[in-house]
């Protein structure tokens, strides 16, 4: 059995991955708040923005953390198509949960359904990303710990959607995002605690690319997304009334679907 190290670079990868999770949660919470204050195409666009923000944030947290993952005596590579597919899965399934909450007339039921869908999407992204890992051996999982990680993912997702529906004001969102970052990281490292690796003794290099080859495109992609996010919020419609938004189009009258969401 290979010895597993989850942080070969010390605190660097956990800290950066946590920051990515917080940023994704912050953008998603803020975007969902704007969505609930609008109608029509503007609502749809903000919900889509929230879905991409949370999906990208969770996937970035996972992959940055995996940069610090190592197994003694084994070279680790990643299958590129599966790694990209895990990102797409994260965005799509998280989007199902966010749109469920954004358009349902029954907040409590939609919160539960959306939380389950989003949590399962987070778990699917994590384990699909793990399936993309290639090394000279086999990876096995402790089923109880896997179940715990899925439960944490569902709890974290439900809490995120609850926060989007109930937390008002910039300061409250800034306080909620780090808490959500902790929940996302807890799911990841709980899932990683379920992993055991059995090496087969082969010296052949596995197929795929090494994790560090993803660093440059990941950095460029995240940098571009953060810039686009800043632009989107800079032209966001005001709560005072309908305005023209360059990024999202003309805003409809701000009529929140949920009474609790009427104030920021």
C-alpha atoms as a PDB file:
ATOM      1  CA  UNK A   1       0.000   0.000   0.000  1.00  0.00           C
ATOM      2  CA  UNK A   2       1.377   3.403  -0.982  1.00  0.00           C
ATOM      3  CA  UNK A   3       1.842   6.094   1.654  1.00  0.00           C
ATOM      4  CA  UNK A   4      -0.471   9.047   0.931  1.00  0.00           C
ATOM      5  CA  UNK A   5       0.434  12.677   1.545  1.00  0.00           C
ATOM      6  CA  UNK A   6      -2.369  15.200   1.083  1.00  0.00           C
ATOM      7  CA  UNK A   7      -0.204  18.323   1.390  1.00  0.00           C
ATOM      8  CA  UNK A   8       3.250  17.865  -0.089  1.00  0.00           C
ATOM      9  CA  UNK A   9       3.640  21.657  -0.315  1.00  0.00           C
ATOM     10  CA  UNK A  10       2.580  22.223   3.263  1.00  0.00           C
ATOM     11  CA  UNK A  11      -0.174  24.759   3.941  1.00  0.00           C
ATOM     12  CA  UNK A  12       0.100  26.371   0.478  1.00  0.00           C
ATOM     13  CA  UNK A  13      -2.324  24.186  -1.506  1.00  0.00           C
ATOM     14  CA  UNK A  14      -4.936  23.902   1.291  1.00  0.00           C
ATOM     15  CA  UNK A  15      -4.866  27.673   1.802  1.00  0.00           C
ATOM     16  CA  UNK A  16      -5.163  28.529  -1.890  1.00  0.00           C
ATOM     17  CA  UNK A  17      -7.867  25.916  -2.445  1.00  0.00           C
ATOM     18  CA  UNK A  18      -9.830  27.312   0.519  1.00  0.00           C
ATOM     19  CA  UNK A  19      -9.536  30.805  -0.964  1.00  0.00           C
ATOM     20  CA  UNK A  20     -10.909  29.526  -4.285  1.00  0.00           C
ATOM     21  CA  UNK A  21     -13.858  27.901  -2.503  1.00  0.00           C
ATOM     22  CA  UNK A  22     -14.603  31.132  -0.616  1.00  0.00           C
ATOM     23  CA  UNK A  23     -14.449  33.205  -3.793  1.00  0.00           C
ATOM     24  CA  UNK A  24     -16.833  30.858  -5.600  1.00  0.00           C
ATOM     25  CA  UNK A  25     -19.247  30.910  -2.645  1.00  0.00           C
ATOM     26  CA  UNK A  26     -19.084  34.709  -2.426  1.00  0.00           C
ATOM     27  CA  UNK A  27     -19.873  35.203  -6.111  1.00  0.00           C
ATOM     28  CA  UNK A  28     -22.627  32.572  -6.052  1.00  0.00           C
ATOM     29  CA  UNK A  29     -24.332  33.993  -2.959  1.00  0.00           C
ATOM     30  CA  UNK A  30     -24.210  37.540  -4.267  1.00  0.00           C
ATOM     31  CA  UNK A  31     -25.429  36.519  -7.723  1.00  0.00           C
ATOM     32  CA  UNK A  32     -28.323  34.521  -6.303  1.00  0.00           C
ATOM     33  CA  UNK A  33     -29.332  37.493  -4.156  1.00  0.00           C
ATOM     34  CA  UNK A  34     -29.466  39.673  -7.269  1.00  0.00           C
ATOM     35  CA  UNK A  35     -31.446  36.982  -9.080  1.00  0.00           C
ATOM     36  CA  UNK A  36     -34.112  36.869  -6.375  1.00  0.00           C
ATOM     37  CA  UNK A  37     -34.521  40.636  -6.650  1.00  0.00           C
ATOM     38  CA  UNK A  38     -35.194  40.529 -10.390  1.00  0.00           C
ATOM     39  CA  UNK A  39     -37.433  38.875 -12.962  1.00  0.00           C
ATOM     40  CA  UNK A  40     -37.290  37.578 -16.526  1.00  0.00           C
ATOM     41  CA  UNK A  41     -34.061  37.309 -18.454  1.00  0.00           C
ATOM     42  CA  UNK A  42     -32.114  39.170 -15.796  1.00  0.00           C
ATOM     43  CA  UNK A  43     -33.037  36.589 -13.163  1.00  0.00           C
ATOM     44  CA  UNK A  44     -32.055  33.743 -15.474  1.00  0.00           C
ATOM     45  CA  UNK A  45     -28.693  35.320 -16.246  1.00  0.00           C
ATOM     46  CA  UNK A  46     -27.851  35.947 -12.595  1.00  0.00           C
ATOM     47  CA  UNK A  47     -28.776  32.368 -11.696  1.00  0.00           C
ATOM     48  CA  UNK A  48     -26.568  31.076 -14.512  1.00  0.00           C
ATOM     49  CA  UNK A  49     -23.758  33.297 -13.252  1.00  0.00           C
ATOM     50  CA  UNK A  50     -24.248  31.913  -9.732  1.00  0.00           C
ATOM     51  CA  UNK A  51     -24.161  28.337 -11.060  1.00  0.00           C
ATOM     52  CA  UNK A  52     -20.911  28.882 -12.925  1.00  0.00           C
ATOM     53  CA  UNK A  53     -19.371  30.707  -9.949  1.00  0.00           C
ATOM     54  CA  UNK A  54     -20.148  27.964  -7.450  1.00  0.00           C
ATOM     55  CA  UNK A  55     -19.275  25.147  -9.873  1.00  0.00           C
ATOM     56  CA  UNK A  56     -15.954  26.712 -10.847  1.00  0.00           C
ATOM     57  CA  UNK A  57     -15.160  27.571  -7.230  1.00  0.00           C
ATOM     58  CA  UNK A  58     -15.773  24.022  -6.009  1.00  0.00           C
ATOM     59  CA  UNK A  59     -13.878  22.443  -8.915  1.00  0.00           C
ATOM     60  CA  UNK A  60     -10.948  24.851  -8.463  1.00  0.00           C
ATOM     61  CA  UNK A  61     -10.844  24.038  -4.754  1.00  0.00           C
ATOM     62  CA  UNK A  62     -10.705  20.324  -5.574  1.00  0.00           C
ATOM     63  CA  UNK A  63      -8.054  20.543  -8.246  1.00  0.00           C
ATOM     64  CA  UNK A  64      -5.782  22.989  -6.385  1.00  0.00           C
ATOM     65  CA  UNK A  65      -5.942  20.683  -3.359  1.00  0.00           C
ATOM     66  CA  UNK A  66      -5.038  17.750  -5.622  1.00  0.00           C
ATOM     67  CA  UNK A  67      -1.827  19.558  -6.612  1.00  0.00           C
ATOM     68  CA  UNK A  68      -0.642  18.718  -3.117  1.00  0.00           C
ATOM     69  CA  UNK A  69      -1.672  15.056  -3.293  1.00  0.00           C
ATOM     70  CA  UNK A  70       1.100  12.482  -3.629  1.00  0.00           C
ATOM     71  CA  UNK A  71       1.646   8.759  -3.166  1.00  0.00           C
ATOM     72  CA  UNK A  72       5.146   7.658  -2.197  1.00  0.00           C
ATOM     73  CA  UNK A  73       6.863   5.759  -4.982  1.00  0.00           C
ATOM     74  CA  UNK A  74       4.209   6.576  -7.597  1.00  0.00           C
ATOM     75  CA  UNK A  75       3.924   9.074 -10.419  1.00  0.00           C
ATOM     76  CA  UNK A  76       0.444  10.619 -10.609  1.00  0.00           C
ATOM     77  CA  UNK A  77      -1.080  11.874 -13.830  1.00  0.00           C
ATOM     78  CA  UNK A  78      -4.566  13.016 -14.828  1.00  0.00           C
ATOM     79  CA  UNK A  79      -6.825  12.139 -17.734  1.00  0.00           C
ATOM     80  CA  UNK A  80      -7.632  15.486 -19.351  1.00  0.00           C
ATOM     81  CA  UNK A  81     -11.119  14.709 -20.782  1.00  0.00           C
ATOM     82  CA  UNK A  82     -12.353  13.331 -17.450  1.00  0.00           C
ATOM     83  CA  UNK A  83     -10.887  16.288 -15.569  1.00  0.00           C
ATOM     84  CA  UNK A  84     -12.687  18.736 -17.853  1.00  0.00           C
ATOM     85  CA  UNK A  85     -15.873  16.659 -17.649  1.00  0.00           C
ATOM     86  CA  UNK A  86     -15.773  16.914 -13.847  1.00  0.00           C
ATOM     87  CA  UNK A  87     -15.822  20.712 -14.201  1.00  0.00           C
ATOM     88  CA  UNK A  88     -18.796  20.581 -16.576  1.00  0.00           C
ATOM     89  CA  UNK A  89     -20.656  18.204 -14.238  1.00  0.00           C
ATOM     90  CA  UNK A  90     -20.036  20.549 -11.319  1.00  0.00           C
ATOM     91  CA  UNK A  91     -21.494  23.551 -13.158  1.00  0.00           C
ATOM     92  CA  UNK A  92     -24.487  21.708 -14.637  1.00  0.00           C
ATOM     93  CA  UNK A  93     -25.640  19.869 -11.533  1.00  0.00           C
ATOM     94  CA  UNK A  94     -25.009  22.828  -9.234  1.00  0.00           C
ATOM     95  CA  UNK A  95     -27.042  24.851 -11.720  1.00  0.00           C
ATOM     96  CA  UNK A  96     -29.961  22.442 -11.354  1.00  0.00           C
ATOM     97  CA  UNK A  97     -30.034  23.140  -7.627  1.00  0.00           C
ATOM     98  CA  UNK A  98     -29.685  26.901  -7.943  1.00  0.00           C
ATOM     99  CA  UNK A  99     -32.342  27.211 -10.656  1.00  0.00           C
ATOM    100  CA  UNK A 100     -34.662  25.012  -8.587  1.00  0.00           C
ATOM    101  CA  UNK A 101     -34.463  27.512  -5.750  1.00  0.00           C
ATOM    102  CA  UNK A 102     -34.515  30.521  -8.057  1.00  0.00           C
ATOM    103  CA  UNK A 103     -37.776  29.636  -9.797  1.00  0.00           C
ATOM    104  CA  UNK A 104     -39.779  27.628  -7.271  1.00  0.00           C
ATOM    105  CA  UNK A 105     -42.818  29.153  -5.581  1.00  0.00           C
ATOM    106  CA  UNK A 106     -42.278  26.858  -2.562  1.00  0.00           C
ATOM    107  CA  UNK A 107     -39.034  27.910  -0.825  1.00  0.00           C
ATOM    108  CA  UNK A 108     -38.820  25.101   1.748  1.00  0.00           C
ATOM    109  CA  UNK A 109     -39.399  22.250  -0.679  1.00  0.00           C
ATOM    110  CA  UNK A 110     -37.157  23.771  -3.313  1.00  0.00           C
ATOM    111  CA  UNK A 111     -34.440  24.371  -0.719  1.00  0.00           C
ATOM    112  CA  UNK A 112     -34.340  20.679   0.162  1.00  0.00           C
ATOM    113  CA  UNK A 113     -34.529  19.511  -3.458  1.00  0.00           C
ATOM    114  CA  UNK A 114     -31.982  22.067  -4.592  1.00  0.00           C
ATOM    115  CA  UNK A 115     -29.632  21.212  -1.734  1.00  0.00           C
ATOM    116  CA  UNK A 116     -29.737  17.506  -2.522  1.00  0.00           C
ATOM    117  CA  UNK A 117     -29.188  18.108  -6.252  1.00  0.00           C
ATOM    118  CA  UNK A 118     -26.342  20.547  -5.658  1.00  0.00           C
ATOM    119  CA  UNK A 119     -24.702  18.328  -3.032  1.00  0.00           C
ATOM    120  CA  UNK A 120     -24.835  15.288  -5.299  1.00  0.00           C
ATOM    121  CA  UNK A 121     -23.311  17.429  -8.046  1.00  0.00           C
ATOM    122  CA  UNK A 122     -20.440  18.412  -5.764  1.00  0.00           C
ATOM    123  CA  UNK A 123     -19.861  14.765  -4.816  1.00  0.00           C
ATOM    124  CA  UNK A 124     -20.065  13.659  -8.459  1.00  0.00           C
ATOM    125  CA  UNK A 125     -17.516  16.281  -9.427  1.00  0.00           C
ATOM    126  CA  UNK A 126     -15.134  15.142  -6.668  1.00  0.00           C
ATOM    127  CA  UNK A 127     -15.267  11.432  -7.438  1.00  0.00           C
ATOM    128  CA  UNK A 128     -15.209  11.927 -11.196  1.00  0.00           C
ATOM    129  CA  UNK A 129     -12.129  14.077 -10.686  1.00  0.00           C
ATOM    130  CA  UNK A 130     -10.627  11.243  -8.648  1.00  0.00           C
ATOM    131  CA  UNK A 131     -11.508   8.798 -11.438  1.00  0.00           C
ATOM    132  CA  UNK A 132      -9.382  10.968 -13.745  1.00  0.00           C
ATOM    133  CA  UNK A 133      -6.303  10.210 -11.647  1.00  0.00           C
ATOM    134  CA  UNK A 134      -3.832   7.736 -13.148  1.00  0.00           C
ATOM    135  CA  UNK A 135      -1.093   5.936 -11.200  1.00  0.00           C
ATOM    136  CA  UNK A 136       0.632   2.512 -11.237  1.00  0.00           C
ATOM    137  CA  UNK A 137      -1.813   0.770  -8.962  1.00  0.00           C
ATOM    138  CA  UNK A 138      -5.438   0.737  -7.867  1.00  0.00           C
ATOM    139  CA  UNK A 139      -7.439   3.191  -5.793  1.00  0.00           C
ATOM    140  CA  UNK A 140     -10.032   1.948  -3.326  1.00  0.00           C
ATOM    141  CA  UNK A 141     -12.442   3.773  -1.011  1.00  0.00           C
ATOM    142  CA  UNK A 142     -13.881   3.242   2.432  1.00  0.00           C
ATOM    143  CA  UNK A 143     -17.620   3.270   1.746  1.00  0.00           C
ATOM    144  CA  UNK A 144     -18.608   4.692   5.129  1.00  0.00           C
ATOM    145  CA  UNK A 145     -16.276   7.669   4.710  1.00  0.00           C
ATOM    146  CA  UNK A 146     -17.511   8.187   1.151  1.00  0.00           C
ATOM    147  CA  UNK A 147     -21.072   8.286   2.472  1.00  0.00           C
ATOM    148  CA  UNK A 148     -20.018  10.843   5.085  1.00  0.00           C
ATOM    149  CA  UNK A 149     -18.449  13.037   2.391  1.00  0.00           C
ATOM    150  CA  UNK A 150     -21.655  12.933   0.318  1.00  0.00           C
ATOM    151  CA  UNK A 151     -23.699  13.857   3.397  1.00  0.00           C
ATOM    152  CA  UNK A 152     -21.378  16.799   4.069  1.00  0.00           C
ATOM    153  CA  UNK A 153     -21.717  17.899   0.435  1.00  0.00           C
ATOM    154  CA  UNK A 154     -25.529  17.870   0.652  1.00  0.00           C
ATOM    155  CA  UNK A 155     -25.486  19.715   3.990  1.00  0.00           C
ATOM    156  CA  UNK A 156     -23.046  22.318   2.653  1.00  0.00           C
ATOM    157  CA  UNK A 157     -25.061  22.840  -0.523  1.00  0.00           C
ATOM    158  CA  UNK A 158     -28.326  23.196   1.389  1.00  0.00           C
ATOM    159  CA  UNK A 159     -26.694  25.673   3.752  1.00  0.00           C
ATOM    160  CA  UNK A 160     -25.384  27.669   0.780  1.00  0.00           C
ATOM    161  CA  UNK A 161     -28.822  27.874  -0.797  1.00  0.00           C
ATOM    162  CA  UNK A 162     -30.388  28.788   2.558  1.00  0.00           C
ATOM    163  CA  UNK A 163     -27.826  31.559   2.892  1.00  0.00           C
ATOM    164  CA  UNK A 164     -28.651  32.815  -0.601  1.00  0.00           C
ATOM    165  CA  UNK A 165     -32.340  33.022   0.346  1.00  0.00           C
ATOM    166  CA  UNK A 166     -31.966  34.546   3.786  1.00  0.00           C
ATOM    167  CA  UNK A 167     -28.691  36.422   4.219  1.00  0.00           C
ATOM    168  CA  UNK A 168     -29.057  40.117   3.456  1.00  0.00           C
ATOM    169  CA  UNK A 169     -26.388  42.738   2.913  1.00  0.00           C
ATOM    170  CA  UNK A 170     -22.801  42.684   1.700  1.00  0.00           C
ATOM    171  CA  UNK A 171     -21.317  42.225   5.178  1.00  0.00           C
ATOM    172  CA  UNK A 172     -23.471  39.154   5.818  1.00  0.00           C
ATOM    173  CA  UNK A 173     -22.484  37.614   2.478  1.00  0.00           C
ATOM    174  CA  UNK A 174     -18.813  38.298   3.239  1.00  0.00           C
ATOM    175  CA  UNK A 175     -19.260  36.497   6.554  1.00  0.00           C
ATOM    176  CA  UNK A 176     -21.130  33.538   5.016  1.00  0.00           C
ATOM    177  CA  UNK A 177     -18.663  32.847   2.189  1.00  0.00           C
ATOM    178  CA  UNK A 178     -15.766  31.715   4.454  1.00  0.00           C
ATOM    179  CA  UNK A 179     -18.137  29.396   6.312  1.00  0.00           C
ATOM    180  CA  UNK A 180     -19.172  27.847   3.008  1.00  0.00           C
ATOM    181  CA  UNK A 181     -15.505  27.552   2.078  1.00  0.00           C
ATOM    182  CA  UNK A 182     -14.910  25.507   5.225  1.00  0.00           C
ATOM    183  CA  UNK A 183     -17.840  23.222   4.347  1.00  0.00           C
ATOM    184  CA  UNK A 184     -16.598  22.629   0.795  1.00  0.00           C
ATOM    185  CA  UNK A 185     -13.071  21.865   2.020  1.00  0.00           C
ATOM    186  CA  UNK A 186     -14.472  19.549   4.696  1.00  0.00           C
ATOM    187  CA  UNK A 187     -16.282  17.567   2.014  1.00  0.00           C
ATOM    188  CA  UNK A 188     -13.117  17.314  -0.086  1.00  0.00           C
ATOM    189  CA  UNK A 189     -10.784  16.181   2.677  1.00  0.00           C
ATOM    190  CA  UNK A 190     -13.369  13.789   4.101  1.00  0.00           C
ATOM    191  CA  UNK A 191     -13.597  12.214   0.641  1.00  0.00           C
ATOM    192  CA  UNK A 192      -9.804  12.068   0.435  1.00  0.00           C
ATOM    193  CA  UNK A 193      -9.666  10.355   3.837  1.00  0.00           C
ATOM    194  CA  UNK A 194     -11.604   7.485   2.232  1.00  0.00           C
ATOM    195  CA  UNK A 195      -8.811   6.848  -0.290  1.00  0.00           C
ATOM    196  CA  UNK A 196      -6.279   4.050  -0.120  1.00  0.00           C
ATOM    197  CA  UNK A 197      -3.802   3.206  -2.879  1.00  0.00           C
ATOM    198  CA  UNK A 198      -2.357  -0.218  -3.665  1.00  0.00           C
ATOM    199  CA  UNK A 199       0.685   0.010  -5.942  1.00  0.00           C
ATOM    200  CA  UNK A 200       1.436  -2.770  -8.392  1.00  0.00           C
ATOM    201  CA  UNK A 201       5.192  -2.224  -8.452  1.00  0.00           C
ATOM    202  CA  UNK A 202       5.279  -1.201 -12.116  1.00  0.00           C
ATOM    203  CA  UNK A 203       7.808   1.405 -13.243  1.00  0.00           C
ATOM    204  CA  UNK A 204       5.777   2.376 -16.306  1.00  0.00           C
ATOM    205  CA  UNK A 205       4.565   5.960 -16.462  1.00  0.00           C
ATOM    206  CA  UNK A 206       0.762   6.196 -16.462  1.00  0.00           C
ATOM    207  CA  UNK A 207      -1.059   7.962 -19.276  1.00  0.00           C
ATOM    208  CA  UNK A 208      -2.277  11.541 -18.951  1.00  0.00           C
ATOM    209  CA  UNK A 209      -0.618  14.771 -17.841  1.00  0.00           C
ATOM    210  CA  UNK A 210       0.988  15.739 -14.543  1.00  0.00           C
ATOM    211  CA  UNK A 211      -0.972  18.069 -12.290  1.00  0.00           C
ATOM    212  CA  UNK A 212       1.459  20.974 -12.651  1.00  0.00           C
ATOM    213  CA  UNK A 213       0.662  21.168 -16.374  1.00  0.00           C
ATOM    214  CA  UNK A 214      -2.810  22.384 -15.383  1.00  0.00           C
ATOM    215  CA  UNK A 215      -1.467  25.265 -13.292  1.00  0.00           C
ATOM    216  CA  UNK A 216      -0.999  27.825 -16.071  1.00  0.00           C
ATOM    217  CA  UNK A 217      -4.399  27.317 -17.774  1.00  0.00           C
ATOM    218  CA  UNK A 218      -6.044  27.160 -14.338  1.00  0.00           C
ATOM    219  CA  UNK A 219      -4.438  30.442 -13.284  1.00  0.00           C
ATOM    220  CA  UNK A 220      -5.352  32.168 -16.553  1.00  0.00           C
ATOM    221  CA  UNK A 221      -8.900  30.827 -16.423  1.00  0.00           C
ATOM    222  CA  UNK A 222      -9.477  31.897 -12.825  1.00  0.00           C
ATOM    223  CA  UNK A 223      -7.931  35.302 -13.443  1.00  0.00           C
ATOM    224  CA  UNK A 224     -10.194  35.877 -16.432  1.00  0.00           C
ATOM    225  CA  UNK A 225     -13.237  34.734 -14.494  1.00  0.00           C
ATOM    226  CA  UNK A 226     -12.502  37.009 -11.547  1.00  0.00           C
ATOM    227  CA  UNK A 227     -12.116  39.963 -13.925  1.00  0.00           C
ATOM    228  CA  UNK A 228     -15.404  39.105 -15.645  1.00  0.00           C
ATOM    229  CA  UNK A 229     -17.094  38.766 -12.268  1.00  0.00           C
ATOM    230  CA  UNK A 230     -15.884  42.189 -11.197  1.00  0.00           C
ATOM    231  CA  UNK A 231     -17.249  43.636 -14.439  1.00  0.00           C
ATOM    232  CA  UNK A 232     -20.603  41.921 -13.931  1.00  0.00           C
ATOM    233  CA  UNK A 233     -21.032  43.297 -10.428  1.00  0.00           C
ATOM    234  CA  UNK A 234     -19.862  46.733 -11.521  1.00  0.00           C
ATOM    235  CA  UNK A 235     -22.797  46.984 -13.939  1.00  0.00           C
ATOM    236  CA  UNK A 236     -25.326  45.152 -11.750  1.00  0.00           C
ATOM    237  CA  UNK A 237     -28.806  46.668 -11.580  1.00  0.00           C
ATOM    238  CA  UNK A 238     -29.638  48.763  -8.544  1.00  0.00           C
ATOM    239  CA  UNK A 239     -32.330  47.722  -6.080  1.00  0.00           C
ATOM    240  CA  UNK A 240     -33.878  51.172  -6.493  1.00  0.00           C
ATOM    241  CA  UNK A 241     -35.490  50.290  -9.786  1.00  0.00           C
ATOM    242  CA  UNK A 242     -34.996  48.927 -13.317  1.00  0.00           C
ATOM    243  CA  UNK A 243     -31.801  49.980 -15.024  1.00  0.00           C
ATOM    244  CA  UNK A 244     -29.855  49.074 -18.122  1.00  0.00           C
ATOM    245  CA  UNK A 245     -27.115  46.561 -17.370  1.00  0.00           C
ATOM    246  CA  UNK A 246     -24.391  46.252 -19.983  1.00  0.00           C
ATOM    247  CA  UNK A 247     -23.545  42.697 -18.945  1.00  0.00           C
ATOM    248  CA  UNK A 248     -26.991  41.299 -18.244  1.00  0.00           C
ATOM    249  CA  UNK A 249     -29.332  43.394 -20.336  1.00  0.00           C
ATOM    250  CA  UNK A 250     -32.252  45.554 -19.202  1.00  0.00           C
ATOM    251  CA  UNK A 251     -33.415  44.796 -15.698  1.00  0.00           C
ATOM    252  CA  UNK A 252     -37.058  44.061 -15.025  1.00  0.00           C
ATOM    253  CA  UNK A 253     -38.783  45.695 -12.050  1.00  0.00           C
ATOM    254  CA  UNK A 254     -37.226  44.273  -8.926  1.00  0.00           C
ATOM    255  CA  UNK A 255     -39.972  42.046  -7.536  1.00  0.00           C
ATOM    256  CA  UNK A 256     -38.450  39.359  -5.308  1.00  0.00           C
ATOM    257  CA  UNK A 257     -40.021  35.935  -5.582  1.00  0.00           C
ATOM    258  CA  UNK A 258     -39.512  35.331  -1.873  1.00  0.00           C
ATOM    259  CA  UNK A 259     -40.702  37.946   0.645  1.00  0.00           C
ATOM    260  CA  UNK A 260     -37.614  37.343   2.793  1.00  0.00           C
ATOM    261  CA  UNK A 261     -35.425  38.252  -0.165  1.00  0.00           C
ATOM    262  CA  UNK A 262     -36.978  41.655  -0.644  1.00  0.00           C
ATOM    263  CA  UNK A 263     -34.347  43.457   1.396  1.00  0.00           C
ATOM    264  CA  UNK A 264     -30.569  43.422   1.095  1.00  0.00           C
END
